[in-house]
Amino acid sequence: MDFLLELLKLIIPAGAVLYGMYLVVVSFLSKEREKLLVDLKSESTQVVLPIRLQAAERLCLLLERISPTQLLRRANPSQLSAEELHLQLLSDIREEFNHNASQQVYFTQDTWNAVKVAVEEVSSLIHLSRQSVEADASGLDLAKVIFSHAFDRTTDPIQIALGKVKAEVSLYF
């Protein structure tokens, strides 16, 4: 019995010391793991943040370039028929969108959907305007109708999409 009591006197403190060491080691490893994760996130942010900002700039540029005003400025409607202008504007929109489609990986689905809606709304506005003019109308006639329809809209999907892009960028800062 004395032997068992002496053995317990040694085992219990040794067990308590081992348990304490276990807690210290687990705590240390946990803190080191957290530190490594923070360092990894920091490095990732340093690499990804500039790319995301560049993607945001490209989306903003896309949205600005597909605005009816900018499209018509670049198209020179006085030298085209309404049908030629209609096709050129739609081609410009499609080209701009396809050129920037890869930027969607840097944004939430909600923001990208807003950009797609803006593109679709501008295309729809151009189609609607084309249907509002005579078949043999000039490009200037179509341009006037496009401006008229653009100013009559109660909401501007381009501004909504720009707002979403800017809001998402503001999350990074």
N, C-alpha and C. Protein backbone atom coordinates (compact mmCIF):
# COMPACT_ATOMS: atom_id res chain seq x y z
N MET A 1 0.82 -1.19 0.00
CA MET A 1 0.00 0.00 0.00
C MET A 1 0.87 1.26 0.00
N ASP A 2 1.94 1.24 0.78
CA ASP A 2 2.88 2.36 0.81
C ASP A 2 3.47 2.61 -0.57
N PHE A 3 3.76 1.49 -1.25
CA PHE A 3 4.33 1.61 -2.58
C PHE A 3 3.36 2.29 -3.54
N LEU A 4 2.10 1.93 -3.44
CA LEU A 4 1.07 2.51 -4.30
C LEU A 4 0.89 3.99 -3.99
N LEU A 5 0.90 4.36 -2.73
CA LEU A 5 0.78 5.74 -2.32
C LEU A 5 1.96 6.57 -2.82
N GLU A 6 3.17 6.02 -2.71
CA GLU A 6 4.36 6.72 -3.20
C GLU A 6 4.31 6.87 -4.72
N LEU A 7 3.82 5.83 -5.38
CA LEU A 7 3.70 5.88 -6.83
C LEU A 7 2.70 6.95 -7.25
N LEU A 8 1.58 7.07 -6.56
CA LEU A 8 0.59 8.10 -6.85
C LEU A 8 1.14 9.50 -6.60
N LYS A 9 1.98 9.64 -5.55
CA LYS A 9 2.59 10.92 -5.26
C LYS A 9 3.50 11.38 -6.42
N LEU A 10 4.06 10.45 -7.12
CA LEU A 10 4.91 10.78 -8.26
C LEU A 10 4.10 10.95 -9.55
N ILE A 11 3.13 10.08 -9.76
CA ILE A 11 2.38 10.08 -11.01
C ILE A 11 1.45 11.29 -11.13
N ILE A 12 0.77 11.66 -10.06
CA ILE A 12 -0.19 12.78 -10.12
C ILE A 12 0.52 14.09 -10.45
N PRO A 13 1.59 14.49 -9.78
CA PRO A 13 2.27 15.73 -10.17
C PRO A 13 2.86 15.65 -11.59
N ALA A 14 3.40 14.48 -11.92
CA ALA A 14 3.97 14.33 -13.26
C ALA A 14 2.86 14.45 -14.31
N GLY A 15 1.71 13.88 -14.04
CA GLY A 15 0.57 13.98 -14.96
C GLY A 15 0.10 15.42 -15.09
N ALA A 16 0.06 16.15 -13.97
CA ALA A 16 -0.35 17.55 -14.00
C ALA A 16 0.64 18.38 -14.81
N VAL A 17 1.94 18.11 -14.65
CA VAL A 17 2.96 18.82 -15.40
C VAL A 17 2.83 18.50 -16.89
N LEU A 18 2.64 17.23 -17.22
CA LEU A 18 2.47 16.84 -18.62
C LEU A 18 1.22 17.47 -19.23
N TYR A 19 0.14 17.50 -18.48
CA TYR A 19 -1.10 18.12 -18.97
C TYR A 19 -0.89 19.62 -19.20
N GLY A 20 -0.19 20.25 -18.27
CA GLY A 20 0.12 21.68 -18.42
C GLY A 20 0.98 21.93 -19.64
N MET A 21 1.98 21.10 -19.86
CA MET A 21 2.84 21.23 -21.04
C MET A 21 2.03 21.02 -22.32
N TYR A 22 1.12 20.05 -22.29
CA TYR A 22 0.25 19.79 -23.44
C TYR A 22 -0.56 21.05 -23.78
N LEU A 23 -1.16 21.69 -22.77
CA LEU A 23 -1.94 22.90 -23.00
C LEU A 23 -1.09 24.03 -23.56
N VAL A 24 0.14 24.17 -23.04
CA VAL A 24 1.04 25.21 -23.52
C VAL A 24 1.41 24.96 -24.99
N VAL A 25 1.74 23.72 -25.31
CA VAL A 25 2.13 23.39 -26.69
C VAL A 25 0.96 23.59 -27.65
N VAL A 26 -0.24 23.14 -27.26
CA VAL A 26 -1.42 23.31 -28.11
C VAL A 26 -1.70 24.80 -28.32
N SER A 27 -1.62 25.58 -27.27
CA SER A 27 -1.85 27.02 -27.36
C SER A 27 -0.81 27.66 -28.28
N PHE A 28 0.44 27.29 -28.10
CA PHE A 28 1.51 27.84 -28.93
C PHE A 28 1.30 27.49 -30.40
N LEU A 29 1.00 26.23 -30.69
CA LEU A 29 0.78 25.81 -32.07
C LEU A 29 -0.43 26.50 -32.69
N SER A 30 -1.46 26.70 -31.90
CA SER A 30 -2.65 27.39 -32.39
C SER A 30 -2.33 28.84 -32.75
N LYS A 31 -1.58 29.51 -31.90
CA LYS A 31 -1.20 30.90 -32.18
C LYS A 31 -0.27 30.98 -33.39
N GLU A 32 0.64 30.04 -33.53
CA GLU A 32 1.52 30.02 -34.69
C GLU A 32 0.72 29.80 -35.98
N ARG A 33 -0.26 28.92 -35.90
CA ARG A 33 -1.11 28.66 -37.07
C ARG A 33 -1.88 29.92 -37.46
N GLU A 34 -2.45 30.60 -36.47
CA GLU A 34 -3.17 31.85 -36.73
C GLU A 34 -2.24 32.90 -37.34
N LYS A 35 -1.02 32.96 -36.82
CA LYS A 35 -0.04 33.92 -37.33
C LYS A 35 0.30 33.61 -38.79
N LEU A 36 0.47 32.35 -39.11
CA LEU A 36 0.76 31.95 -40.49
C LEU A 36 -0.40 32.28 -41.41
N LEU A 37 -1.64 32.07 -40.94
CA LEU A 37 -2.81 32.40 -41.74
C LEU A 37 -2.90 33.90 -42.00
N VAL A 38 -2.62 34.70 -40.99
CA VAL A 38 -2.64 36.16 -41.15
C VAL A 38 -1.56 36.58 -42.14
N ASP A 39 -0.37 36.00 -42.03
CA ASP A 39 0.71 36.33 -42.98
C ASP A 39 0.33 35.93 -44.40
N LEU A 40 -0.28 34.76 -44.53
CA LEU A 40 -0.70 34.29 -45.85
C LEU A 40 -1.76 35.21 -46.44
N LYS A 41 -2.73 35.61 -45.62
CA LYS A 41 -3.76 36.54 -46.09
C LYS A 41 -3.16 37.87 -46.48
N SER A 42 -2.21 38.33 -45.70
CA SER A 42 -1.56 39.61 -45.99
C SER A 42 -0.82 39.54 -47.33
N GLU A 43 -0.08 38.46 -47.56
CA GLU A 43 0.61 38.29 -48.83
C GLU A 43 -0.38 38.19 -49.98
N SER A 44 -1.45 37.46 -49.75
CA SER A 44 -2.48 37.29 -50.78
C SER A 44 -3.12 38.63 -51.11
N THR A 45 -3.39 39.42 -50.09
CA THR A 45 -4.00 40.73 -50.30
C THR A 45 -3.07 41.63 -51.10
N GLN A 46 -1.79 41.57 -50.82
CA GLN A 46 -0.83 42.40 -51.55
C GLN A 46 -0.78 42.03 -53.03
N VAL A 47 -1.06 40.78 -53.35
CA VAL A 47 -1.04 40.36 -54.74
C VAL A 47 -2.41 40.57 -55.39
N VAL A 48 -3.48 40.20 -54.70
CA VAL A 48 -4.81 40.20 -55.29
C VAL A 48 -5.43 41.59 -55.31
N LEU A 49 -5.16 42.40 -54.33
CA LEU A 49 -5.79 43.72 -54.27
C LEU A 49 -5.52 44.57 -55.51
N PRO A 50 -4.29 44.69 -55.96
CA PRO A 50 -4.08 45.47 -57.19
C PRO A 50 -4.82 44.89 -58.40
N ILE A 51 -4.90 43.58 -58.47
CA ILE A 51 -5.62 42.95 -59.58
C ILE A 51 -7.10 43.26 -59.48
N ARG A 52 -7.64 43.20 -58.29
CA ARG A 52 -9.07 43.52 -58.10
C ARG A 52 -9.35 44.98 -58.43
N LEU A 53 -8.46 45.85 -58.03
CA LEU A 53 -8.64 47.27 -58.35
C LEU A 53 -8.59 47.50 -59.86
N GLN A 54 -7.68 46.81 -60.52
CA GLN A 54 -7.60 46.93 -61.97
C GLN A 54 -8.87 46.39 -62.62
N ALA A 55 -9.40 45.30 -62.08
CA ALA A 55 -10.65 44.74 -62.61
C ALA A 55 -11.80 45.73 -62.41
N ALA A 56 -11.82 46.38 -61.27
CA ALA A 56 -12.87 47.38 -61.01
C ALA A 56 -12.74 48.55 -61.98
N GLU A 57 -11.52 48.97 -62.24
CA GLU A 57 -11.31 50.05 -63.21
C GLU A 57 -11.81 49.65 -64.58
N ARG A 58 -11.53 48.42 -64.97
CA ARG A 58 -11.96 47.95 -66.29
C ARG A 58 -13.48 47.86 -66.38
N LEU A 59 -14.13 47.42 -65.28
CA LEU A 59 -15.60 47.37 -65.30
C LEU A 59 -16.19 48.76 -65.36
N CYS A 60 -15.61 49.68 -64.62
CA CYS A 60 -16.10 51.07 -64.67
C CYS A 60 -15.93 51.63 -66.08
N LEU A 61 -14.80 51.35 -66.68
CA LEU A 61 -14.56 51.81 -68.04
C LEU A 61 -15.56 51.17 -69.02
N LEU A 62 -15.80 49.88 -68.85
CA LEU A 62 -16.81 49.20 -69.68
C LEU A 62 -18.16 49.90 -69.57
N LEU A 63 -18.58 50.15 -68.34
CA LEU A 63 -19.89 50.76 -68.12
C LEU A 63 -19.95 52.18 -68.69
N GLU A 64 -18.87 52.91 -68.57
CA GLU A 64 -18.84 54.25 -69.14
C GLU A 64 -18.85 54.20 -70.67
N ARG A 65 -18.13 53.25 -71.23
CA ARG A 65 -18.03 53.17 -72.69
C ARG A 65 -19.33 52.70 -73.34
N ILE A 66 -20.17 51.96 -72.61
CA ILE A 66 -21.42 51.50 -73.21
C ILE A 66 -22.59 52.44 -72.92
N SER A 67 -22.33 53.53 -72.25
CA SER A 67 -23.41 54.50 -72.06
C SER A 67 -23.80 55.05 -73.42
N PRO A 68 -25.09 55.28 -73.66
CA PRO A 68 -25.53 55.74 -74.98
C PRO A 68 -24.78 56.97 -75.47
N THR A 69 -24.49 57.90 -74.60
CA THR A 69 -23.78 59.11 -75.00
C THR A 69 -22.40 58.77 -75.55
N GLN A 70 -21.66 57.96 -74.83
CA GLN A 70 -20.31 57.60 -75.27
C GLN A 70 -20.34 56.76 -76.55
N LEU A 71 -21.29 55.85 -76.62
CA LEU A 71 -21.40 55.02 -77.83
C LEU A 71 -21.63 55.89 -79.06
N LEU A 72 -22.55 56.83 -78.93
CA LEU A 72 -22.88 57.67 -80.08
C LEU A 72 -21.75 58.62 -80.44
N ARG A 73 -21.01 59.07 -79.44
CA ARG A 73 -19.86 59.94 -79.73
C ARG A 73 -18.82 59.23 -80.57
N ARG A 74 -18.59 57.98 -80.26
CA ARG A 74 -17.58 57.22 -81.00
C ARG A 74 -18.08 56.75 -82.36
N ALA A 75 -19.40 56.64 -82.54
CA ALA A 75 -19.95 56.03 -83.75
C ALA A 75 -20.05 56.98 -84.93
N ASN A 76 -20.13 58.26 -84.70
CA ASN A 76 -20.30 59.25 -85.77
C ASN A 76 -21.57 58.97 -86.58
N PRO A 77 -22.73 59.18 -85.97
CA PRO A 77 -24.00 58.81 -86.61
C PRO A 77 -24.36 59.59 -87.86
N SER A 78 -23.73 60.72 -88.09
CA SER A 78 -24.10 61.52 -89.26
C SER A 78 -23.71 60.85 -90.57
N GLN A 79 -22.77 59.93 -90.53
CA GLN A 79 -22.31 59.28 -91.75
C GLN A 79 -22.92 57.89 -91.97
N LEU A 80 -23.83 57.48 -91.07
CA LEU A 80 -24.39 56.14 -91.15
C LEU A 80 -25.91 56.19 -91.28
N SER A 81 -26.46 55.14 -91.83
CA SER A 81 -27.92 55.01 -91.82
C SER A 81 -28.33 54.50 -90.44
N ALA A 82 -29.60 54.54 -90.15
CA ALA A 82 -30.09 54.08 -88.84
C ALA A 82 -29.76 52.60 -88.63
N GLU A 83 -29.92 51.80 -89.68
CA GLU A 83 -29.63 50.37 -89.56
C GLU A 83 -28.14 50.13 -89.32
N GLU A 84 -27.29 50.85 -90.05
CA GLU A 84 -25.85 50.70 -89.86
C GLU A 84 -25.43 51.14 -88.46
N LEU A 85 -25.99 52.23 -88.00
CA LEU A 85 -25.67 52.72 -86.65
C LEU A 85 -26.15 51.72 -85.61
N HIS A 86 -27.34 51.21 -85.79
CA HIS A 86 -27.90 50.20 -84.88
C HIS A 86 -26.96 49.00 -84.76
N LEU A 87 -26.53 48.47 -85.88
CA LEU A 87 -25.64 47.31 -85.88
C LEU A 87 -24.28 47.64 -85.29
N GLN A 88 -23.77 48.82 -85.58
CA GLN A 88 -22.47 49.21 -85.04
C GLN A 88 -22.52 49.37 -83.52
N LEU A 89 -23.58 50.00 -83.02
CA LEU A 89 -23.70 50.19 -81.57
C LEU A 89 -23.79 48.85 -80.85
N LEU A 90 -24.60 47.95 -81.39
CA LEU A 90 -24.73 46.62 -80.76
C LEU A 90 -23.40 45.87 -80.82
N SER A 91 -22.70 46.00 -81.93
CA SER A 91 -21.39 45.35 -82.06
C SER A 91 -20.41 45.93 -81.04
N ASP A 92 -20.41 47.24 -80.88
CA ASP A 92 -19.52 47.88 -79.90
C ASP A 92 -19.81 47.41 -78.49
N ILE A 93 -21.09 47.30 -78.15
CA ILE A 93 -21.47 46.84 -76.81
C ILE A 93 -21.00 45.41 -76.60
N ARG A 94 -21.28 44.56 -77.58
CA ARG A 94 -20.89 43.15 -77.47
C ARG A 94 -19.37 43.02 -77.34
N GLU A 95 -18.65 43.78 -78.14
CA GLU A 95 -17.19 43.73 -78.11
C GLU A 95 -16.65 44.19 -76.75
N GLU A 96 -17.17 45.28 -76.25
CA GLU A 96 -16.74 45.79 -74.93
C GLU A 96 -17.02 44.76 -73.84
N PHE A 97 -18.21 44.19 -73.87
CA PHE A 97 -18.58 43.23 -72.84
C PHE A 97 -17.70 41.98 -72.93
N ASN A 98 -17.53 41.44 -74.12
CA ASN A 98 -16.71 40.24 -74.28
C ASN A 98 -15.26 40.49 -73.88
N HIS A 99 -14.77 41.68 -74.14
CA HIS A 99 -13.39 42.02 -73.78
C HIS A 99 -13.19 42.04 -72.27
N ASN A 100 -14.26 42.34 -71.53
CA ASN A 100 -14.14 42.48 -70.07
C ASN A 100 -14.84 41.37 -69.29
N ALA A 101 -15.29 40.34 -69.96
CA ALA A 101 -16.04 39.27 -69.28
C ALA A 101 -15.21 38.56 -68.22
N SER A 102 -13.91 38.50 -68.40
CA SER A 102 -13.06 37.80 -67.43
C SER A 102 -13.01 38.50 -66.07
N GLN A 103 -13.42 39.75 -66.02
CA GLN A 103 -13.35 40.50 -64.76
C GLN A 103 -14.36 40.00 -63.73
N GLN A 104 -15.31 39.19 -64.18
CA GLN A 104 -16.34 38.70 -63.26
C GLN A 104 -15.77 37.85 -62.12
N VAL A 105 -14.61 37.26 -62.31
CA VAL A 105 -14.05 36.41 -61.26
C VAL A 105 -13.64 37.21 -60.02
N TYR A 106 -13.50 38.52 -60.16
CA TYR A 106 -13.06 39.35 -59.05
C TYR A 106 -14.22 40.02 -58.31
N PHE A 107 -15.46 39.73 -58.73
CA PHE A 107 -16.61 40.39 -58.14
C PHE A 107 -17.66 39.38 -57.71
N THR A 108 -18.53 39.83 -56.81
CA THR A 108 -19.62 38.97 -56.37
C THR A 108 -20.60 38.78 -57.52
N GLN A 109 -21.40 37.74 -57.40
CA GLN A 109 -22.39 37.46 -58.44
C GLN A 109 -23.38 38.62 -58.57
N ASP A 110 -23.73 39.23 -57.46
CA ASP A 110 -24.67 40.36 -57.48
C ASP A 110 -24.12 41.53 -58.30
N THR A 111 -22.86 41.87 -58.10
CA THR A 111 -22.25 42.96 -58.85
C THR A 111 -22.15 42.61 -60.33
N TRP A 112 -21.72 41.40 -60.64
CA TRP A 112 -21.60 41.01 -62.03
C TRP A 112 -22.97 40.99 -62.72
N ASN A 113 -24.00 40.55 -61.99
CA ASN A 113 -25.36 40.56 -62.56
C ASN A 113 -25.80 41.99 -62.87
N ALA A 114 -25.44 42.94 -62.01
CA ALA A 114 -25.79 44.35 -62.26
C ALA A 114 -25.10 44.85 -63.53
N VAL A 115 -23.86 44.42 -63.76
CA VAL A 115 -23.14 44.81 -64.98
C VAL A 115 -23.83 44.20 -66.20
N LYS A 116 -24.20 42.93 -66.10
CA LYS A 116 -24.89 42.27 -67.22
C LYS A 116 -26.23 42.93 -67.51
N VAL A 117 -26.96 43.30 -66.45
CA VAL A 117 -28.25 43.97 -66.64
C VAL A 117 -28.04 45.31 -67.34
N ALA A 118 -27.00 46.03 -66.95
CA ALA A 118 -26.72 47.32 -67.60
C ALA A 118 -26.44 47.13 -69.09
N VAL A 119 -25.66 46.12 -69.43
CA VAL A 119 -25.35 45.84 -70.84
C VAL A 119 -26.64 45.48 -71.58
N GLU A 120 -27.44 44.63 -70.98
CA GLU A 120 -28.70 44.21 -71.63
C GLU A 120 -29.67 45.37 -71.78
N GLU A 121 -29.72 46.25 -70.78
CA GLU A 121 -30.62 47.40 -70.84
C GLU A 121 -30.20 48.38 -71.94
N VAL A 122 -28.92 48.60 -72.09
CA VAL A 122 -28.45 49.51 -73.15
C VAL A 122 -28.74 48.89 -74.51
N SER A 123 -28.51 47.60 -74.65
CA SER A 123 -28.83 46.92 -75.92
C SER A 123 -30.32 47.00 -76.20
N SER A 124 -31.11 46.79 -75.18
CA SER A 124 -32.56 46.88 -75.32
C SER A 124 -33.00 48.29 -75.71
N LEU A 125 -32.38 49.29 -75.12
CA LEU A 125 -32.68 50.68 -75.44
C LEU A 125 -32.39 50.97 -76.92
N ILE A 126 -31.29 50.43 -77.41
CA ILE A 126 -30.92 50.64 -78.81
C ILE A 126 -31.91 49.92 -79.74
N HIS A 127 -32.29 48.70 -79.36
CA HIS A 127 -33.30 47.97 -80.16
C HIS A 127 -34.62 48.73 -80.19
N LEU A 128 -35.06 49.16 -79.03
CA LEU A 128 -36.32 49.90 -78.93
C LEU A 128 -36.26 51.19 -79.76
N SER A 129 -35.15 51.87 -79.69
CA SER A 129 -34.98 53.10 -80.46
C SER A 129 -35.00 52.82 -81.96
N ARG A 130 -34.36 51.74 -82.35
CA ARG A 130 -34.34 51.38 -83.78
C ARG A 130 -35.75 51.09 -84.28
N GLN A 131 -36.57 50.48 -83.46
CA GLN A 131 -37.94 50.18 -83.85
C GLN A 131 -38.80 51.44 -83.92
N SER A 132 -38.35 52.49 -83.28
CA SER A 132 -39.12 53.74 -83.25
C SER A 132 -38.87 54.65 -84.44
N VAL A 133 -37.89 54.34 -85.27
CA VAL A 133 -37.61 55.18 -86.43
C VAL A 133 -37.96 54.43 -87.71
N GLU A 134 -38.13 55.17 -88.75
CA GLU A 134 -38.46 54.59 -90.07
C GLU A 134 -37.31 53.71 -90.57
N ALA A 135 -37.62 52.83 -91.47
CA ALA A 135 -36.62 51.91 -92.01
C ALA A 135 -35.51 52.64 -92.76
N ASP A 136 -35.85 53.74 -93.41
CA ASP A 136 -34.84 54.48 -94.19
C ASP A 136 -34.31 55.72 -93.45
N ALA A 137 -34.44 55.73 -92.14
CA ALA A 137 -34.01 56.89 -91.34
C ALA A 137 -32.48 56.98 -91.32
N SER A 138 -32.03 58.17 -91.03
CA SER A 138 -30.57 58.39 -90.95
C SER A 138 -30.07 58.02 -89.55
N GLY A 139 -28.76 57.93 -89.46
CA GLY A 139 -28.13 57.65 -88.17
C GLY A 139 -28.41 58.75 -87.16
N LEU A 140 -28.50 60.00 -87.63
CA LEU A 140 -28.80 61.12 -86.73
C LEU A 140 -30.20 60.99 -86.13
N ASP A 141 -31.15 60.53 -86.96
CA ASP A 141 -32.51 60.33 -86.45
C ASP A 141 -32.51 59.28 -85.34
N LEU A 142 -31.79 58.19 -85.59
CA LEU A 142 -31.71 57.13 -84.57
C LEU A 142 -31.00 57.66 -83.33
N ALA A 143 -29.95 58.42 -83.50
CA ALA A 143 -29.21 58.98 -82.35
C ALA A 143 -30.12 59.86 -81.50
N LYS A 144 -30.96 60.67 -82.14
CA LYS A 144 -31.89 61.54 -81.40
C LYS A 144 -32.87 60.70 -80.59
N VAL A 145 -33.38 59.63 -81.19
CA VAL A 145 -34.33 58.77 -80.48
C VAL A 145 -33.64 58.05 -79.32
N ILE A 146 -32.40 57.61 -79.54
CA ILE A 146 -31.66 56.95 -78.46
C ILE A 146 -31.46 57.92 -77.30
N PHE A 147 -31.05 59.16 -77.59
CA PHE A 147 -30.90 60.16 -76.54
C PHE A 147 -32.21 60.39 -75.82
N SER A 148 -33.28 60.49 -76.57
CA SER A 148 -34.60 60.73 -75.99
C SER A 148 -35.00 59.59 -75.05
N HIS A 149 -34.84 58.36 -75.50
CA HIS A 149 -35.19 57.21 -74.66
C HIS A 149 -34.27 57.12 -73.44
N ALA A 150 -33.00 57.46 -73.63
CA ALA A 150 -32.06 57.40 -72.51
C ALA A 150 -32.42 58.41 -71.43
N PHE A 151 -32.84 59.60 -71.85
CA PHE A 151 -33.19 60.63 -70.86
C PHE A 151 -34.55 60.37 -70.22
N ASP A 152 -35.41 59.60 -70.88
CA ASP A 152 -36.74 59.30 -70.35
C ASP A 152 -36.72 58.19 -69.30
N ARG A 153 -35.63 57.46 -69.20
CA ARG A 153 -35.57 56.35 -68.23
C ARG A 153 -35.62 56.88 -66.81
N THR A 154 -36.38 56.18 -65.97
CA THR A 154 -36.46 56.60 -64.56
C THR A 154 -35.26 56.10 -63.76
N THR A 155 -34.72 54.95 -64.14
CA THR A 155 -33.53 54.44 -63.47
C THR A 155 -32.45 54.21 -64.52
N ASP A 156 -31.23 54.41 -64.12
CA ASP A 156 -30.11 54.23 -65.02
C ASP A 156 -29.34 52.98 -64.58
N PRO A 157 -29.47 51.88 -65.31
CA PRO A 157 -28.80 50.64 -64.92
C PRO A 157 -27.28 50.77 -64.92
N ILE A 158 -26.75 51.67 -65.73
CA ILE A 158 -25.30 51.87 -65.73
C ILE A 158 -24.85 52.47 -64.40
N GLN A 159 -25.59 53.45 -63.91
CA GLN A 159 -25.24 54.06 -62.62
C GLN A 159 -25.42 53.06 -61.47
N ILE A 160 -26.44 52.22 -61.56
CA ILE A 160 -26.66 51.19 -60.54
C ILE A 160 -25.47 50.23 -60.51
N ALA A 161 -25.06 49.77 -61.69
CA ALA A 161 -23.93 48.85 -61.77
C ALA A 161 -22.64 49.52 -61.29
N LEU A 162 -22.43 50.77 -61.69
CA LEU A 162 -21.25 51.51 -61.21
C LEU A 162 -21.26 51.62 -59.69
N GLY A 163 -22.42 51.87 -59.13
CA GLY A 163 -22.54 51.95 -57.68
C GLY A 163 -22.18 50.65 -57.00
N LYS A 164 -22.60 49.53 -57.58
CA LYS A 164 -22.27 48.22 -57.00
C LYS A 164 -20.77 47.94 -57.10
N VAL A 165 -20.17 48.28 -58.23
CA VAL A 165 -18.72 48.07 -58.37
C VAL A 165 -17.98 48.92 -57.35
N LYS A 166 -18.36 50.17 -57.23
CA LYS A 166 -17.69 51.07 -56.28
C LYS A 166 -17.90 50.60 -54.83
N ALA A 167 -19.11 50.13 -54.54
CA ALA A 167 -19.38 49.63 -53.18
C ALA A 167 -18.52 48.41 -52.86
N GLU A 168 -18.37 47.55 -53.83
CA GLU A 168 -17.55 46.36 -53.60
C GLU A 168 -16.07 46.73 -53.43
N VAL A 169 -15.60 47.70 -54.20
CA VAL A 169 -14.22 48.15 -54.05
C VAL A 169 -14.00 48.78 -52.68
N SER A 170 -15.00 49.50 -52.20
CA SER A 170 -14.85 50.15 -50.89
C SER A 170 -14.71 49.14 -49.75
N LEU A 171 -15.11 47.91 -49.98
CA LEU A 171 -14.95 46.87 -48.96
C LEU A 171 -13.48 46.53 -48.73
N TYR A 172 -12.64 46.79 -49.73
CA TYR A 172 -11.22 46.46 -49.62
C TYR A 172 -10.45 47.48 -48.81
N PHE A 173 -11.05 48.64 -48.55
CA PHE A 173 -10.33 49.69 -47.86
C PHE A 173 -10.96 50.02 -46.53
